[in-house]
N, C-alpha and C. Protein backbone atom coordinates (compact mmCIF):
# COMPACT_ATOMS: atom_id res chain seq x y z
N UNK A 1 7.06 12.02 35.87
CA UNK A 1 6.39 11.04 34.96
C UNK A 1 7.01 11.26 33.62
N UNK A 2 7.46 10.18 33.02
CA UNK A 2 8.15 10.15 31.80
C UNK A 2 7.06 10.31 30.69
N UNK A 3 7.52 10.83 29.60
CA UNK A 3 6.71 11.12 28.54
C UNK A 3 6.02 9.93 27.98
N UNK A 4 6.72 8.79 27.84
CA UNK A 4 6.12 7.63 27.40
C UNK A 4 5.07 6.97 28.20
N UNK A 5 5.04 7.30 29.48
CA UNK A 5 4.03 6.75 30.45
C UNK A 5 2.92 7.75 30.74
N UNK A 6 2.85 8.80 30.01
CA UNK A 6 1.89 9.88 30.29
C UNK A 6 0.60 9.40 29.56
N UNK A 7 -0.36 9.23 30.13
CA UNK A 7 -1.67 8.68 29.59
C UNK A 7 -2.15 9.69 28.45
N UNK A 8 -1.92 10.92 28.73
CA UNK A 8 -2.35 11.99 27.55
C UNK A 8 -1.57 11.64 26.37
N UNK A 9 -0.39 11.47 26.42
CA UNK A 9 0.61 11.25 25.38
C UNK A 9 0.15 9.93 24.66
N UNK A 10 -0.23 9.02 25.46
CA UNK A 10 -0.66 7.57 24.84
C UNK A 10 -1.96 7.80 24.18
N UNK A 11 -3.02 8.60 24.70
CA UNK A 11 -4.30 8.86 24.12
C UNK A 11 -4.13 9.64 22.78
N UNK A 12 -3.20 10.61 22.68
CA UNK A 12 -2.86 11.42 21.62
C UNK A 12 -2.16 10.45 20.38
N UNK A 13 -1.23 9.76 20.95
CA UNK A 13 -0.57 8.85 19.91
C UNK A 13 -1.57 7.87 19.27
N UNK A 14 -2.54 7.32 19.99
CA UNK A 14 -3.58 6.55 19.48
C UNK A 14 -4.59 7.23 18.51
N UNK A 15 -4.89 8.44 19.09
CA UNK A 15 -5.66 9.13 18.18
C UNK A 15 -5.12 9.45 16.83
N UNK A 16 -3.74 9.86 16.83
CA UNK A 16 -2.86 10.14 15.62
C UNK A 16 -2.84 8.84 14.63
N UNK A 17 -2.76 7.73 15.20
CA UNK A 17 -2.63 6.53 14.48
C UNK A 17 -3.95 6.24 13.91
N UNK A 18 -5.01 6.29 14.65
CA UNK A 18 -6.31 6.18 14.17
C UNK A 18 -6.52 7.26 12.84
N UNK A 19 -6.13 8.31 13.13
CA UNK A 19 -6.30 9.34 12.02
C UNK A 19 -5.58 8.96 10.87
N UNK A 20 -4.18 8.56 11.06
CA UNK A 20 -3.49 8.10 9.91
C UNK A 20 -4.01 6.93 9.10
N UNK A 21 -4.55 5.97 9.93
CA UNK A 21 -5.09 4.80 9.28
C UNK A 21 -6.30 5.10 8.42
N UNK A 22 -6.98 6.08 8.89
CA UNK A 22 -8.34 6.47 8.20
C UNK A 22 -7.98 7.05 7.05
N UNK A 23 -6.80 8.11 7.02
CA UNK A 23 -6.38 8.75 5.77
C UNK A 23 -6.02 7.61 4.78
N UNK A 24 -5.04 6.70 5.38
CA UNK A 24 -4.50 5.53 4.50
C UNK A 24 -5.51 4.78 3.73
N UNK A 25 -6.50 4.38 4.63
CA UNK A 25 -7.58 3.56 3.98
C UNK A 25 -8.50 4.33 3.08
N UNK A 26 -8.74 5.68 3.29
CA UNK A 26 -9.55 6.41 2.47
C UNK A 26 -9.03 6.92 1.30
N UNK A 27 -7.88 7.58 1.44
CA UNK A 27 -7.18 8.20 0.34
C UNK A 27 -5.88 7.71 -0.07
N UNK A 28 -5.36 6.75 0.51
CA UNK A 28 -3.96 6.15 0.09
C UNK A 28 -2.81 6.70 0.91
N UNK A 29 -1.53 6.29 0.75
CA UNK A 29 -0.50 6.68 1.54
C UNK A 29 -0.15 8.15 1.37
N UNK A 30 -0.37 8.65 0.15
CA UNK A 30 -0.07 10.10 -0.04
C UNK A 30 -0.68 11.04 0.96
N UNK A 31 -1.82 10.51 1.49
CA UNK A 31 -2.60 11.45 2.24
C UNK A 31 -2.17 11.54 3.70
N UNK A 32 -1.20 10.40 4.13
CA UNK A 32 -0.72 10.52 5.42
C UNK A 32 0.41 11.39 5.69
N UNK A 33 0.05 12.70 5.97
CA UNK A 33 1.03 13.69 6.10
C UNK A 33 1.00 14.17 7.57
N UNK A 34 2.03 14.87 8.17
CA UNK A 34 1.93 15.36 9.54
C UNK A 34 0.75 16.37 9.57
N UNK A 35 0.59 17.15 8.71
CA UNK A 35 -0.51 18.20 8.74
C UNK A 35 -1.87 17.50 8.74
N UNK A 36 -2.16 16.62 7.88
CA UNK A 36 -3.36 15.91 7.63
C UNK A 36 -3.70 15.17 8.84
N UNK A 37 -2.81 14.35 9.43
CA UNK A 37 -2.95 13.66 10.63
C UNK A 37 -3.24 14.52 11.83
N UNK A 38 -2.66 15.63 12.01
CA UNK A 38 -2.88 16.55 13.00
C UNK A 38 -4.27 17.14 12.92
N UNK A 39 -4.58 17.52 11.71
CA UNK A 39 -6.12 18.06 11.63
C UNK A 39 -7.07 17.11 12.02
N UNK A 40 -6.98 15.77 11.41
CA UNK A 40 -7.85 14.70 11.80
C UNK A 40 -7.97 14.27 13.17
N UNK A 41 -6.86 14.24 13.77
CA UNK A 41 -6.70 13.82 15.21
C UNK A 41 -7.17 14.89 16.16
N UNK A 42 -7.03 16.18 15.68
CA UNK A 42 -7.42 17.19 16.63
C UNK A 42 -6.18 17.50 17.51
N UNK A 43 -4.97 17.48 16.94
CA UNK A 43 -3.80 17.84 17.81
C UNK A 43 -2.91 18.72 17.01
N UNK A 44 -1.93 19.42 17.53
CA UNK A 44 -1.02 20.14 16.81
C UNK A 44 -0.04 19.43 15.98
N UNK A 45 0.36 20.11 14.98
CA UNK A 45 1.36 19.35 14.10
C UNK A 45 2.56 19.06 14.91
N UNK A 46 3.12 19.78 15.72
CA UNK A 46 4.24 19.61 16.48
C UNK A 46 4.02 18.36 17.47
N UNK A 47 2.87 17.96 17.80
CA UNK A 47 2.74 16.70 18.53
C UNK A 47 2.87 15.51 17.58
N UNK A 48 2.36 15.56 16.35
CA UNK A 48 2.72 14.52 15.36
C UNK A 48 4.19 14.39 15.02
N UNK A 49 4.95 15.43 14.92
CA UNK A 49 6.27 15.49 14.79
C UNK A 49 7.04 14.93 15.89
N UNK A 50 6.61 15.19 17.12
CA UNK A 50 7.14 14.71 18.32
C UNK A 50 7.28 13.16 18.31
N UNK A 51 6.07 12.54 17.89
CA UNK A 51 6.06 11.08 17.97
C UNK A 51 6.68 10.41 16.64
N UNK A 52 6.57 11.32 15.50
CA UNK A 52 7.15 10.62 14.33
C UNK A 52 7.84 11.73 13.48
N UNK A 53 9.23 11.98 13.86
CA UNK A 53 9.93 13.00 13.11
C UNK A 53 10.01 13.06 11.58
N UNK A 54 10.00 11.72 11.19
CA UNK A 54 10.11 11.58 9.67
C UNK A 54 8.73 11.07 9.25
N UNK A 55 8.30 11.51 7.88
CA UNK A 55 7.04 11.12 7.41
C UNK A 55 7.02 9.63 7.18
N UNK A 56 8.18 9.03 6.78
CA UNK A 56 8.12 7.65 6.30
C UNK A 56 7.87 6.70 7.76
N UNK A 57 8.36 7.28 8.87
CA UNK A 57 7.97 6.56 10.11
C UNK A 57 6.57 6.63 10.50
N UNK A 58 5.98 7.87 10.29
CA UNK A 58 4.50 7.94 10.48
C UNK A 58 3.74 6.84 9.49
N UNK A 59 4.09 7.06 8.38
CA UNK A 59 3.47 6.10 7.25
C UNK A 59 3.61 4.56 7.69
N UNK A 60 4.93 4.26 8.19
CA UNK A 60 5.03 2.90 8.45
C UNK A 60 4.30 2.39 9.70
N UNK A 61 4.18 3.29 10.63
CA UNK A 61 3.24 2.91 11.78
C UNK A 61 1.90 2.90 11.40
N UNK A 62 1.39 3.89 10.54
CA UNK A 62 0.05 3.67 10.07
C UNK A 62 -0.22 2.49 9.34
N UNK A 63 0.74 2.01 8.53
CA UNK A 63 0.50 0.87 7.89
C UNK A 63 0.32 -0.48 8.66
N UNK A 64 0.91 -0.42 9.81
CA UNK A 64 0.85 -1.55 10.77
C UNK A 64 -0.52 -1.62 11.20
N UNK A 65 -1.37 -2.59 11.01
CA UNK A 65 -2.68 -2.79 11.51
C UNK A 65 -3.72 -2.14 10.62
N UNK A 66 -3.31 -1.50 9.55
CA UNK A 66 -4.34 -0.78 8.76
C UNK A 66 -4.73 -1.69 7.56
N UNK A 67 -6.12 -1.47 7.32
CA UNK A 67 -6.60 -2.32 6.01
C UNK A 67 -6.07 -1.65 4.83
N UNK A 68 -5.28 -2.23 3.97
CA UNK A 68 -4.69 -1.78 2.71
C UNK A 68 -5.93 -1.33 1.83
N UNK A 69 -5.79 -0.24 1.32
CA UNK A 69 -6.83 0.20 0.39
C UNK A 69 -6.87 -0.33 -1.06
N UNK A 70 -5.55 -0.87 -1.41
CA UNK A 70 -5.47 -1.37 -2.78
C UNK A 70 -5.96 -2.66 -3.02
N UNK A 71 -6.56 -2.79 -4.21
CA UNK A 71 -7.02 -4.04 -4.81
C UNK A 71 -8.15 -4.64 -4.02
N UNK A 72 -9.00 -3.69 -3.44
CA UNK A 72 -10.26 -4.13 -2.81
C UNK A 72 -11.30 -3.99 -3.68
N UNK A 73 -12.35 -4.91 -3.41
CA UNK A 73 -13.73 -4.93 -4.14
C UNK A 73 -13.48 -4.91 -5.65
N UNK A 74 -13.02 -5.96 -6.19
CA UNK A 74 -12.82 -6.09 -7.66
C UNK A 74 -14.24 -5.88 -8.37
N UNK A 75 -14.25 -5.19 -9.51
CA UNK A 75 -15.27 -4.97 -10.35
C UNK A 75 -15.20 -5.42 -11.70
N UNK A 76 -16.39 -6.15 -11.99
CA UNK A 76 -16.28 -6.72 -13.47
C UNK A 76 -16.52 -5.56 -14.45
N UNK A 77 -15.91 -5.68 -15.56
CA UNK A 77 -14.83 -6.44 -15.96
C UNK A 77 -13.53 -6.20 -15.18
N UNK A 78 -12.86 -7.31 -14.94
CA UNK A 78 -11.67 -7.26 -14.12
C UNK A 78 -10.43 -6.42 -14.74
N UNK A 79 -10.29 -6.54 -16.16
CA UNK A 79 -9.13 -6.00 -16.69
C UNK A 79 -9.01 -4.46 -16.51
N UNK A 80 -10.18 -3.70 -16.74
CA UNK A 80 -10.05 -2.30 -16.45
C UNK A 80 -9.79 -1.99 -14.91
N UNK A 81 -10.43 -2.66 -14.11
CA UNK A 81 -10.41 -2.59 -12.68
C UNK A 81 -8.88 -2.88 -12.35
N UNK A 82 -8.29 -3.95 -12.77
CA UNK A 82 -6.84 -4.17 -12.48
C UNK A 82 -6.03 -3.02 -12.91
N UNK A 83 -6.16 -2.60 -14.19
CA UNK A 83 -5.42 -1.50 -14.51
C UNK A 83 -5.50 -0.24 -13.84
N UNK A 84 -6.77 0.06 -13.22
CA UNK A 84 -7.03 1.26 -12.41
C UNK A 84 -6.11 1.00 -10.95
N UNK A 85 -6.21 -0.15 -10.46
CA UNK A 85 -5.65 -0.48 -9.16
C UNK A 85 -4.11 -0.42 -9.34
N UNK A 86 -3.47 -0.93 -10.36
CA UNK A 86 -2.09 -0.79 -10.68
C UNK A 86 -1.63 0.49 -10.90
N UNK A 87 -2.46 1.38 -11.57
CA UNK A 87 -2.11 2.82 -11.73
C UNK A 87 -2.11 3.51 -10.46
N UNK A 88 -3.22 3.10 -9.61
CA UNK A 88 -3.33 3.75 -8.25
C UNK A 88 -2.09 3.52 -7.47
N UNK A 89 -1.52 2.28 -7.58
CA UNK A 89 -0.42 1.77 -6.62
C UNK A 89 0.80 2.42 -7.25
N UNK A 90 0.92 2.69 -8.51
CA UNK A 90 2.06 3.33 -9.18
C UNK A 90 2.06 4.77 -8.73
N UNK A 91 0.97 5.40 -8.80
CA UNK A 91 0.85 6.84 -8.42
C UNK A 91 1.19 7.02 -6.87
N UNK A 92 0.82 6.09 -6.10
CA UNK A 92 1.13 6.17 -4.70
C UNK A 92 2.73 6.08 -4.45
N UNK A 93 3.26 5.01 -5.12
CA UNK A 93 4.63 4.68 -5.00
C UNK A 93 5.53 5.68 -5.47
N UNK A 94 5.09 6.65 -6.38
CA UNK A 94 5.72 7.83 -7.06
C UNK A 94 5.89 8.92 -6.10
N UNK A 95 5.32 8.75 -4.95
CA UNK A 95 5.36 9.97 -3.83
C UNK A 95 6.60 9.43 -2.96
N UNK A 96 7.63 10.27 -2.86
CA UNK A 96 8.84 9.96 -2.32
C UNK A 96 8.67 9.43 -0.85
N UNK A 97 7.80 9.86 -0.09
CA UNK A 97 7.58 9.42 1.36
C UNK A 97 7.11 7.94 1.40
N UNK A 98 6.18 7.77 0.30
CA UNK A 98 5.61 6.30 0.15
C UNK A 98 6.60 5.35 -0.27
N UNK A 99 7.34 5.78 -1.27
CA UNK A 99 8.52 4.87 -1.69
C UNK A 99 9.46 4.54 -0.54
N UNK A 100 9.77 5.67 0.21
CA UNK A 100 10.70 5.53 1.25
C UNK A 100 10.29 4.50 2.32
N UNK A 101 8.91 4.53 2.61
CA UNK A 101 8.31 3.77 3.59
C UNK A 101 8.26 2.30 3.08
N UNK A 102 7.97 2.15 1.99
CA UNK A 102 7.90 0.79 1.33
C UNK A 102 9.21 0.22 1.40
N UNK A 103 10.34 1.02 0.97
CA UNK A 103 11.70 0.34 1.04
C UNK A 103 12.21 0.24 2.35
N UNK A 104 11.96 0.99 3.26
CA UNK A 104 12.26 0.95 4.61
C UNK A 104 11.49 -0.30 5.33
N UNK A 105 10.30 -0.45 5.07
CA UNK A 105 9.64 -1.68 5.45
C UNK A 105 10.32 -2.84 5.03
N UNK A 106 10.61 -3.01 3.73
CA UNK A 106 11.29 -4.17 3.21
C UNK A 106 12.74 -4.35 3.78
N UNK A 107 13.37 -3.29 3.91
CA UNK A 107 14.84 -3.44 4.48
C UNK A 107 14.69 -3.82 5.97
N UNK A 108 13.82 -3.18 6.67
CA UNK A 108 13.57 -3.56 8.22
C UNK A 108 13.18 -5.03 8.38
N UNK A 109 12.29 -5.43 7.43
CA UNK A 109 11.81 -6.72 7.59
C UNK A 109 12.96 -7.94 7.59
N UNK A 110 14.08 -7.66 7.08
CA UNK A 110 15.36 -8.69 7.08
C UNK A 110 15.66 -8.80 8.64
N UNK A 111 15.72 -7.76 9.37
CA UNK A 111 16.20 -8.04 10.80
C UNK A 111 15.21 -7.91 11.88
N UNK A 112 13.99 -7.28 11.53
CA UNK A 112 13.06 -7.10 12.57
C UNK A 112 11.79 -8.15 12.35
N UNK A 113 11.54 -9.08 13.28
CA UNK A 113 10.49 -10.00 13.08
C UNK A 113 9.12 -9.39 13.15
N UNK A 114 8.83 -8.42 13.96
CA UNK A 114 7.67 -7.77 13.96
C UNK A 114 7.31 -7.08 12.55
N UNK A 115 8.29 -6.26 12.00
CA UNK A 115 8.18 -5.66 10.90
C UNK A 115 7.96 -6.71 9.57
N UNK A 116 8.74 -7.78 9.66
CA UNK A 116 8.58 -8.81 8.87
C UNK A 116 7.06 -9.41 8.78
N UNK A 117 6.66 -9.54 10.06
CA UNK A 117 5.19 -9.96 10.06
C UNK A 117 4.17 -8.98 9.41
N UNK A 118 4.52 -7.79 9.66
CA UNK A 118 3.66 -6.76 9.09
C UNK A 118 3.77 -6.73 7.52
N UNK A 119 4.91 -6.88 7.09
CA UNK A 119 5.17 -6.87 5.59
C UNK A 119 4.57 -8.26 5.22
N UNK A 120 4.80 -9.36 5.68
CA UNK A 120 4.13 -10.53 5.19
C UNK A 120 2.62 -10.29 5.14
N UNK A 121 1.99 -9.99 6.13
CA UNK A 121 0.58 -9.68 6.19
C UNK A 121 0.11 -8.86 5.02
N UNK A 122 0.83 -7.80 4.75
CA UNK A 122 0.40 -6.89 3.69
C UNK A 122 0.59 -7.70 2.34
N UNK A 123 1.67 -8.28 2.21
CA UNK A 123 1.88 -8.86 0.85
C UNK A 123 0.80 -10.03 0.64
N UNK A 124 0.57 -10.83 1.76
CA UNK A 124 -0.45 -11.75 1.60
C UNK A 124 -1.87 -11.15 1.36
N UNK A 125 -2.23 -10.06 1.92
CA UNK A 125 -3.53 -9.43 1.70
C UNK A 125 -3.65 -9.05 0.17
N UNK A 126 -2.54 -8.45 -0.39
CA UNK A 126 -2.45 -8.02 -1.65
C UNK A 126 -2.59 -9.13 -2.68
N UNK A 127 -1.74 -10.14 -2.30
CA UNK A 127 -1.80 -11.38 -3.27
C UNK A 127 -3.16 -12.10 -3.17
N UNK A 128 -3.83 -12.13 -2.18
CA UNK A 128 -5.11 -12.88 -2.04
C UNK A 128 -6.16 -12.14 -2.65
N UNK A 129 -6.12 -10.70 -2.68
CA UNK A 129 -7.07 -9.84 -3.50
C UNK A 129 -6.83 -10.02 -5.09
N UNK A 130 -5.69 -9.92 -5.37
CA UNK A 130 -5.25 -9.98 -6.91
C UNK A 130 -5.81 -11.43 -7.33
N UNK A 131 -5.31 -12.39 -6.66
CA UNK A 131 -5.62 -13.79 -6.98
C UNK A 131 -7.14 -13.96 -6.99
N UNK A 132 -7.97 -13.53 -6.08
CA UNK A 132 -9.51 -13.56 -6.11
C UNK A 132 -10.06 -12.83 -7.35
N UNK A 133 -9.47 -11.72 -7.77
CA UNK A 133 -10.00 -11.04 -8.92
C UNK A 133 -9.86 -11.76 -10.16
N UNK A 134 -8.48 -12.38 -10.34
CA UNK A 134 -8.03 -13.10 -11.45
C UNK A 134 -8.82 -14.39 -11.49
N UNK A 135 -9.00 -14.99 -10.42
CA UNK A 135 -9.91 -16.31 -10.53
C UNK A 135 -11.31 -15.86 -10.90
N UNK A 136 -11.89 -14.67 -10.53
CA UNK A 136 -13.22 -14.32 -10.92
C UNK A 136 -13.24 -14.02 -12.42
N UNK A 137 -12.18 -13.45 -12.99
CA UNK A 137 -12.04 -13.25 -14.45
C UNK A 137 -11.98 -14.50 -15.10
N UNK A 138 -11.21 -15.45 -14.67
CA UNK A 138 -11.16 -16.73 -15.36
C UNK A 138 -12.39 -17.42 -15.33
N UNK A 139 -13.05 -17.59 -14.16
CA UNK A 139 -14.41 -18.08 -13.96
C UNK A 139 -15.55 -17.55 -14.93
N UNK A 140 -15.48 -16.30 -15.06
CA UNK A 140 -16.36 -15.51 -15.96
C UNK A 140 -16.03 -15.63 -17.44
N UNK A 141 -14.85 -16.13 -17.72
CA UNK A 141 -14.57 -16.22 -19.23
C UNK A 141 -13.74 -15.04 -19.73
N UNK A 142 -13.68 -14.07 -18.86
CA UNK A 142 -13.05 -12.86 -19.27
C UNK A 142 -11.54 -13.05 -19.54
N UNK A 143 -10.92 -14.02 -18.90
CA UNK A 143 -9.45 -14.17 -18.86
C UNK A 143 -9.20 -15.70 -19.01
N UNK A 144 -8.19 -15.94 -19.99
CA UNK A 144 -7.63 -17.35 -20.04
C UNK A 144 -6.28 -17.27 -19.42
N UNK A 145 -5.91 -17.80 -18.47
CA UNK A 145 -4.59 -17.67 -17.83
C UNK A 145 -4.00 -18.96 -17.19
N UNK A 146 -2.83 -19.20 -17.55
CA UNK A 146 -2.19 -20.37 -16.84
C UNK A 146 -1.01 -19.88 -15.99
N UNK A 147 -0.95 -18.53 -15.40
CA UNK A 147 0.03 -18.02 -14.69
C UNK A 147 -0.27 -18.74 -13.31
N UNK A 148 0.96 -19.21 -12.79
CA UNK A 148 0.88 -19.72 -11.49
C UNK A 148 0.56 -18.66 -10.48
N UNK A 149 -0.41 -19.03 -9.49
CA UNK A 149 -0.80 -17.92 -8.47
C UNK A 149 0.41 -17.39 -7.78
N UNK A 150 1.39 -18.10 -7.36
CA UNK A 150 2.60 -17.59 -6.64
C UNK A 150 3.33 -16.61 -7.54
N UNK A 151 3.33 -16.76 -8.88
CA UNK A 151 3.96 -15.62 -9.70
C UNK A 151 3.22 -14.56 -10.06
N UNK A 152 1.74 -14.64 -10.01
CA UNK A 152 0.90 -13.63 -10.38
C UNK A 152 1.23 -12.22 -9.86
N UNK A 153 1.14 -12.18 -8.45
CA UNK A 153 1.43 -10.87 -7.78
C UNK A 153 2.88 -10.29 -8.17
N UNK A 154 3.93 -11.15 -8.25
CA UNK A 154 5.16 -10.76 -8.50
C UNK A 154 5.26 -10.06 -9.97
N UNK A 155 4.57 -10.83 -10.85
CA UNK A 155 4.56 -10.22 -12.17
C UNK A 155 3.85 -8.91 -12.35
N UNK A 156 2.82 -8.65 -11.51
CA UNK A 156 2.17 -7.37 -11.50
C UNK A 156 2.67 -6.35 -10.81
N UNK A 157 2.95 -6.68 -9.57
CA UNK A 157 3.57 -5.65 -8.76
C UNK A 157 5.04 -5.38 -8.79
N UNK A 158 5.90 -6.40 -9.04
CA UNK A 158 7.19 -6.20 -8.94
C UNK A 158 7.80 -5.20 -9.89
N UNK A 159 7.36 -5.22 -11.18
CA UNK A 159 7.99 -4.02 -12.04
C UNK A 159 7.49 -2.66 -11.60
N UNK A 160 6.33 -2.56 -11.02
CA UNK A 160 5.83 -1.22 -10.47
C UNK A 160 6.81 -0.72 -9.35
N UNK A 161 7.02 -1.60 -8.38
CA UNK A 161 7.95 -1.29 -7.36
C UNK A 161 9.32 -0.93 -7.81
N UNK A 162 9.86 -1.85 -8.70
CA UNK A 162 11.22 -1.51 -9.27
C UNK A 162 11.23 -0.30 -10.02
N UNK A 163 10.21 0.16 -10.85
CA UNK A 163 10.30 1.30 -11.58
C UNK A 163 10.20 2.49 -10.62
N UNK A 164 9.26 2.52 -9.66
CA UNK A 164 9.04 3.74 -8.98
C UNK A 164 10.19 3.87 -7.94
N UNK A 165 10.32 2.70 -7.13
CA UNK A 165 11.30 2.90 -5.82
C UNK A 165 12.66 2.76 -6.20
N UNK A 166 13.14 1.81 -7.18
CA UNK A 166 14.40 1.55 -7.46
C UNK A 166 14.96 2.64 -8.52
N UNK A 167 14.14 2.85 -9.62
CA UNK A 167 14.60 3.57 -10.71
C UNK A 167 14.21 5.10 -10.48
N UNK A 168 13.22 5.21 -9.63
CA UNK A 168 12.81 6.63 -9.22
C UNK A 168 12.22 7.22 -10.56
N UNK A 169 11.38 6.50 -11.24
CA UNK A 169 10.84 6.80 -12.48
C UNK A 169 9.35 6.69 -12.51
N UNK A 170 8.58 7.18 -13.42
CA UNK A 170 7.14 7.12 -13.48
C UNK A 170 6.80 5.92 -14.22
N UNK A 171 5.76 5.32 -13.90
CA UNK A 171 5.19 4.08 -14.46
C UNK A 171 4.21 4.60 -15.49
N UNK A 172 4.45 4.23 -16.83
CA UNK A 172 3.53 4.85 -17.92
C UNK A 172 2.39 3.78 -17.99
N UNK A 173 1.44 4.33 -18.60
CA UNK A 173 0.17 3.65 -18.98
C UNK A 173 0.50 2.33 -19.85
N UNK A 174 1.36 2.52 -20.70
CA UNK A 174 1.82 1.42 -21.63
C UNK A 174 2.49 0.36 -20.77
N UNK A 175 3.25 0.57 -19.73
CA UNK A 175 3.74 -0.55 -18.78
C UNK A 175 2.59 -1.12 -18.09
N UNK A 176 1.64 -0.36 -17.51
CA UNK A 176 0.59 -0.97 -16.75
C UNK A 176 -0.18 -1.91 -17.67
N UNK A 177 -0.38 -1.43 -19.00
CA UNK A 177 -1.11 -2.31 -19.97
C UNK A 177 -0.46 -3.62 -20.19
N UNK A 178 1.04 -3.57 -20.37
CA UNK A 178 1.81 -4.82 -20.73
C UNK A 178 1.70 -5.68 -19.57
N UNK A 179 1.78 -5.26 -18.30
CA UNK A 179 1.71 -6.02 -17.03
C UNK A 179 0.45 -6.76 -17.13
N UNK A 180 -0.71 -6.00 -17.29
CA UNK A 180 -2.09 -6.75 -17.20
C UNK A 180 -2.24 -7.64 -18.34
N UNK A 181 -1.72 -7.34 -19.60
CA UNK A 181 -1.83 -8.27 -20.56
C UNK A 181 -0.88 -9.53 -20.40
N UNK A 182 0.22 -9.47 -19.73
CA UNK A 182 1.12 -10.49 -19.46
C UNK A 182 0.65 -11.69 -18.57
N UNK A 183 -0.50 -11.55 -17.92
CA UNK A 183 -1.02 -12.49 -17.21
C UNK A 183 -1.88 -13.61 -17.91
N UNK A 184 -2.17 -13.30 -18.96
CA UNK A 184 -3.02 -14.28 -19.95
C UNK A 184 -3.65 -13.50 -21.15
N UNK A 185 -4.73 -14.24 -21.68
CA UNK A 185 -5.39 -13.71 -22.88
C UNK A 185 -6.66 -13.21 -22.32
N UNK A 186 -6.97 -12.03 -22.57
CA UNK A 186 -8.23 -11.27 -22.08
C UNK A 186 -9.17 -11.23 -23.23
N UNK A 187 -10.55 -11.60 -22.86
CA UNK A 187 -11.49 -11.56 -23.89
C UNK A 187 -12.55 -10.23 -23.42
N UNK A 188 -13.16 -9.70 -24.29
CA UNK A 188 -14.05 -8.52 -24.24
C UNK A 188 -13.42 -7.37 -24.90
């Protein structure tokens, strides 16, 4: 019997993916480590390494089908909530395995239709969440903005990805503030 058709191996793999997705949703990408997944899934760490030799492979598979924890449940006022969420994203992308997984996903999406679909779904989810929060801020009078919805996510997320993944540098609080302020005039 081959390893890939072993029902026990398939059950273990599924349990590990469930554990990885729970960690991702509950604590963010930095929590998806071989050790933490093994503990949560009730398997040995070697079992996790056998399926995913590299941390970015594990994170990439966990991201597929997982509900992204970022930009969920906006809270009024939106401005401080948006700052917290951007800070959280920047902190996650500062983790080398997370930055590697994000860049691997982006690069692989150029050639792999399945990965491109995963990436498109993630980008769509984040954009929809940010747009909903900004619309809420505009409706409540907290924000006056004329930024095109298609540009909004790129203006907020693009510089963070560039600074963390491309420049391999930290995102300052000042940069986060400038990004939030760039989308319009905030009241309050």
